[in-house]
Protein backbone atom coordinates (compact mmCIF):
# COMPACT_ATOMS: atom_id res chain seq x y z
CA MET A 1 -8.05 -26.97 -11.98
CA SER A 2 -7.60 -24.38 -14.73
CA ALA A 3 -4.18 -23.09 -15.77
CA GLU A 4 -5.20 -19.65 -14.42
CA THR A 5 -6.19 -21.02 -11.07
CA GLY A 6 -2.96 -22.95 -10.83
CA ARG A 7 -0.99 -19.81 -11.67
CA ARG A 8 -2.76 -17.90 -8.96
CA SER A 9 -2.13 -20.69 -6.48
CA GLY A 10 1.57 -20.63 -7.33
CA GLY A 11 1.66 -16.84 -6.83
CA GLN A 12 -0.03 -17.21 -3.45
CA GLY A 13 2.42 -19.86 -2.50
CA ARG A 14 5.37 -17.56 -3.23
CA ILE A 15 3.77 -14.92 -1.04
CA SER A 16 3.27 -17.45 1.78
CA GLN A 17 6.90 -18.52 1.48
CA TRP A 18 8.05 -14.96 1.60
CA LEU A 19 5.87 -14.22 4.66
CA ARG A 20 7.17 -17.22 6.51
CA GLY A 21 10.74 -16.11 5.71
CA ARG A 22 10.41 -12.66 7.27
CA ARG A 23 12.77 -11.81 10.11
CA PRO A 24 11.51 -12.23 13.71
CA ARG A 25 10.02 -9.12 15.22
CA PRO A 26 12.62 -7.02 17.17
CA ASP A 27 12.07 -6.15 20.87
CA ALA A 28 10.26 -2.92 21.80
CA ALA A 29 13.39 -0.75 21.95
CA ASP A 30 14.74 -1.95 18.67
CA ASP A 31 11.39 -1.68 17.14
CA SER A 32 10.96 1.93 18.11
CA ALA A 33 14.41 2.84 16.62
CA SER A 34 13.75 0.86 13.49
CA ARG A 35 10.32 2.54 13.07
CA GLU A 36 11.88 5.95 13.26
CA GLU A 37 14.69 5.01 10.87
CA LEU A 38 12.24 3.65 8.34
CA LEU A 39 10.01 6.67 8.54
CA LEU A 40 12.98 9.07 8.02
CA ALA A 41 14.18 6.93 5.11
CA ALA A 42 10.71 7.34 3.48
CA ALA A 43 10.74 11.03 4.08
CA GLY A 44 14.31 11.22 2.73
CA ALA A 45 13.05 9.66 -0.47
CA GLY A 46 10.54 12.48 -0.81
CA LEU A 47 7.45 10.85 0.62
CA PRO A 48 5.44 13.49 2.62
CA LEU A 49 4.26 11.96 5.94
CA ALA A 50 1.55 12.71 8.52
CA PRO A 51 0.45 10.88 11.68
CA ALA A 52 -2.31 8.28 11.36
CA ALA A 53 -4.46 6.21 13.72
CA HIS A 54 -3.29 2.94 15.10
CA PRO A 55 -4.90 -0.33 16.29
CA SER A 56 -6.54 -0.30 19.69
CA ALA A 57 -7.37 -3.90 20.57
CA TYR A 58 -9.26 -4.98 17.41
CA ARG A 59 -10.52 -1.48 16.77
CA CYS A 60 -9.16 1.90 15.83
CA SER A 61 -7.52 4.41 18.16
CA CYS A 62 -9.98 7.17 16.90
CA ASP A 63 -13.25 7.85 18.69
CA ARG A 64 -15.35 7.20 15.61
CA VAL A 65 -17.95 4.46 16.23
CA GLY A 66 -17.64 1.80 13.53
CA CYS A 67 -14.56 3.39 11.91
CA PRO A 68 -14.64 2.14 8.34
CA THR A 69 -10.84 2.10 7.96
CA PRO A 70 -9.41 1.31 11.40
CA ALA A 71 -5.75 2.31 11.82
CA ARG A 72 -5.60 3.33 8.18
CA HIS A 73 -6.51 7.00 8.26
CA PRO A 74 -4.86 10.28 9.23
CA VAL A 75 -5.56 11.76 12.66
CA SER A 76 -6.02 15.28 11.38
CA PHE A 77 -8.43 16.63 8.76
CA ALA A 78 -5.52 18.84 7.66
CA TRP A 79 -3.41 15.94 6.67
CA GLN A 80 -2.69 17.30 3.14
CA THR A 81 -1.17 20.52 4.42
CA GLN A 82 0.32 18.80 7.43
CA SER A 83 2.20 16.17 5.40
CA THR A 84 5.95 16.86 5.35
CA THR A 85 9.32 15.47 4.68
CA ASP A 86 10.92 17.62 7.40
CA ARG A 87 13.21 15.35 9.43
CA SER A 88 12.80 17.27 12.74
CA GLN A 89 9.06 17.24 12.54
CA ILE A 90 8.82 13.54 11.78
CA GLU A 91 11.24 12.73 14.62
CA ARG A 92 8.95 14.78 17.03
CA TRP A 93 5.86 13.07 15.79
CA ALA A 94 7.46 9.56 16.05
CA ARG A 95 8.76 10.13 19.59
CA HIS A 96 5.66 11.85 20.94
CA GLN A 97 3.27 9.39 19.31
CA PRO A 98 5.04 6.02 19.70
CA LEU A 99 2.01 3.96 18.70
CA ALA A 100 0.92 6.06 15.67
CA ASN A 101 1.02 4.81 12.17
CA PHE A 102 1.89 7.28 9.36
CA ILE A 103 0.24 8.01 6.00
CA THR A 104 1.99 9.41 2.97
CA ALA A 105 0.01 11.88 0.94
CA THR A 106 -0.08 10.85 -2.77
CA GLY A 107 -0.22 13.11 -5.81
CA MET A 108 2.45 15.56 -4.51
CA VAL A 109 5.72 13.72 -5.24
CA HIS A 110 4.45 10.18 -5.81
CA ASP A 111 1.38 8.07 -6.68
CA VAL A 112 0.62 4.57 -5.55
CA LEU A 113 -0.77 1.73 -7.67
CA ASP A 114 -2.59 -0.47 -5.20
CA VAL A 115 -3.43 -4.02 -6.32
CA PRO A 116 -4.55 -7.40 -4.84
CA VAL A 117 -1.47 -9.21 -3.43
CA GLU A 118 -1.84 -12.16 -5.77
CA ALA A 119 -1.84 -9.91 -8.83
CA GLY A 120 0.91 -7.77 -7.40
CA GLN A 121 3.33 -10.66 -6.86
CA GLU A 122 2.78 -11.98 -10.36
CA ALA A 123 3.26 -8.46 -11.76
CA LEU A 124 6.43 -7.89 -9.72
CA ASP A 125 7.89 -11.15 -10.95
CA ARG A 126 7.12 -10.23 -14.53
CA LEU A 127 8.42 -6.65 -14.31
CA LEU A 128 11.69 -7.66 -12.74
CA ALA A 129 12.14 -10.51 -15.18
CA SER A 130 11.63 -8.03 -18.04
CA GLY A 131 14.19 -5.65 -16.69
CA ILE A 132 11.64 -2.87 -16.10
CA GLU A 133 12.59 -0.45 -13.34
CA VAL A 134 10.44 -1.02 -10.29
CA GLY A 135 10.43 1.45 -7.42
CA PRO A 136 9.41 0.87 -3.76
CA VAL A 137 6.85 -1.86 -3.13
CA ALA A 138 5.01 -2.50 0.13
CA LEU A 139 2.75 -5.31 1.38
CA SER A 140 -0.29 -3.96 3.17
CA GLY A 141 -1.84 -6.53 5.44
CA ASN A 142 -2.27 -9.86 3.76
CA ASP A 143 -4.36 -8.72 0.79
CA ARG A 144 -2.87 -5.73 -1.00
CA MET A 145 0.39 -4.73 -2.60
CA LEU A 146 1.47 -1.06 -3.11
CA PHE A 147 3.66 0.04 -5.97
CA PHE A 148 5.06 3.51 -5.35
CA THR A 149 5.65 5.57 -8.50
CA ALA A 150 6.41 9.14 -9.51
CA THR A 151 3.28 11.21 -9.64
CA ARG A 152 1.54 12.04 -12.93
CA GLY A 153 1.20 15.61 -11.69
CA THR A 154 -1.38 17.73 -13.42
CA PRO A 155 -1.28 17.27 -17.23
CA GLU A 156 -1.98 20.30 -19.37
CA ASP A 157 -5.17 18.61 -20.56
CA GLU A 158 -7.30 18.08 -17.47
CA ASP A 159 -9.31 15.46 -19.36
CA GLU A 160 -6.25 13.20 -19.10
CA TRP A 161 -6.17 13.49 -15.33
CA TRP A 162 -8.56 12.62 -12.60
CA PRO A 163 -8.52 13.07 -8.74
CA CYS A 164 -8.35 9.92 -6.79
CA GLU A 165 -11.94 10.27 -5.50
CA LEU A 166 -13.23 9.45 -8.99
CA ASP A 167 -11.46 6.18 -9.07
CA CYS A 168 -10.79 5.02 -5.47
CA HIS A 169 -10.78 6.59 -2.06
CA PRO A 170 -9.32 4.80 0.99
CA GLU A 171 -12.78 4.84 2.66
CA THR A 172 -14.42 3.05 -0.23
CA MET A 173 -11.77 0.44 -0.88
CA ASP A 174 -14.18 -2.58 -0.68
CA GLU A 175 -16.26 -0.99 -3.50
CA HIS A 176 -13.32 -0.93 -5.89
CA PRO A 177 -11.69 -4.39 -6.34
CA GLY A 178 -8.73 -4.65 -8.60
CA LEU A 179 -6.31 -1.73 -9.28
CA ARG A 180 -6.58 1.52 -7.40
CA TRP A 181 -4.55 4.47 -8.45
CA HIS A 182 -3.86 6.75 -5.46
CA CYS A 183 -3.01 10.24 -6.76
CA ARG A 184 -3.99 13.80 -5.75
CA GLY A 185 -6.32 13.85 -2.80
CA SER A 186 -5.52 10.40 -1.43
CA TYR A 187 -3.07 8.67 0.85
CA VAL A 188 -1.75 5.24 1.83
CA LEU A 189 -0.08 3.89 5.00
CA VAL A 190 3.68 4.00 4.77
CA PRO A 191 5.71 1.22 6.37
CA PRO A 192 6.11 0.39 9.15
CA ALA A 193 2.48 0.36 10.21
CA ARG A 194 0.33 -1.95 12.27
CA LEU A 195 -3.24 -3.06 11.46
CA PRO A 196 -5.92 -4.75 13.57
CA GLY A 197 -5.56 -8.49 13.77
CA ASP A 198 -1.75 -8.37 14.18
CA LEU A 199 -1.25 -7.45 10.51
CA VAL A 200 1.38 -5.03 9.26
CA VAL A 201 2.34 -2.82 6.41
CA GLU A 202 6.02 -3.40 5.44
CA TRP A 203 8.38 -2.89 2.58
CA VAL A 204 9.07 -5.67 0.03
CA ARG A 205 11.35 -3.16 -1.85
CA GLY A 206 12.34 -0.14 0.23
CA PRO A 207 12.37 3.63 -0.45
CA GLU A 208 15.98 3.50 -1.67
CA PHE A 209 14.62 2.51 -5.10
CA ALA A 210 13.90 5.36 -7.45
CA LEU A 211 10.22 6.15 -8.22
CA PRO A 212 9.36 4.93 -11.76
CA ASP A 213 6.99 6.42 -14.30
CA PRO A 214 3.58 4.82 -13.34
CA LEU A 215 2.79 4.22 -17.03
CA SER A 216 5.79 1.86 -17.31
CA LEU A 217 4.10 -0.41 -14.77
CA LEU A 218 0.51 0.10 -15.66
CA GLU A 219 0.14 -2.49 -18.49
CA VAL A 220 1.58 -5.42 -16.46
CA LEU A 221 -0.35 -4.49 -13.38
CA THR A 222 -3.72 -4.13 -15.18
CA ASP A 223 -3.04 -7.42 -17.00
CA GLU A 224 -2.41 -9.26 -13.75
CA CYS A 225 -5.45 -7.63 -12.04
CA ALA A 226 -7.63 -8.76 -14.98
CA ARG A 227 -6.30 -12.33 -14.52
CA TYR A 228 -6.94 -12.14 -10.80
CA ALA A 229 -10.48 -10.81 -11.29
CA GLY A 230 -11.14 -13.63 -13.85
CA GLY A 231 -9.97 -16.22 -11.35
CA GLU A 232 -12.26 -14.76 -8.66
CA ARG A 233 -15.22 -15.05 -11.04
CA GLU A 234 -14.33 -18.69 -11.84
CA GLN A 235 -14.19 -19.54 -8.15
CA ALA A 236 -17.52 -17.80 -7.48
CA ALA A 237 -19.13 -19.68 -10.39
CA ALA A 238 -17.84 -22.99 -9.18
CA TRP A 239 -18.80 -22.40 -5.47
CA PRO A 240 -22.43 -23.81 -5.66
CA LEU A 241 -21.05 -27.03 -7.14
CA ARG A 242 -18.91 -27.71 -4.08
CA GLY A 243 -20.37 -29.96 -1.61
């Protein structure tokens, strides 16, 4: 086993330990109250929210046949203008749509650096050990980690900025392994959210943490994503030799 493979296995072990240590799920009444409180906390931190689809059996609650992102997309095409931090509106949505997930629109107040969970855990350990300010971090399902940062906004030189569609869009996630930078024109699910297969989106570090400059995290995140991608290639190369 290579040193890199061992490192990744260790990171995955820490994630598994963390998952096993999560608190038991609350009952339905407590879960509803906790859901609303968490959504309001996210909005209070400046994250604009809008309702999203939710799991229906092993599929999506939308009526799209073969939905490519089940339970991960907004319910309205007007989600960018609909997204809000208004407490009253979010309370109405949460109470009238008790099963709905919520997305947060990126590129307004915040961006999201979205990485494979193994790379994300290694990066989080390194960042905290180095004393670098890390903002909210969420675990999305069992395969992605979301680092919430302040938005880059729109630099004076447009050549230094790109809309998210040129890098990664939520509906083409499988085509873009590694790091995805969600900025203007994109969105991610905000905790708490449910995914098909009894998976969830939940906070590792909550919205009470201030949003950092994305560039302060980028070097470590890209470094760990490169290590992760290298390990994936090693595994793929070794696969035909396994019997």
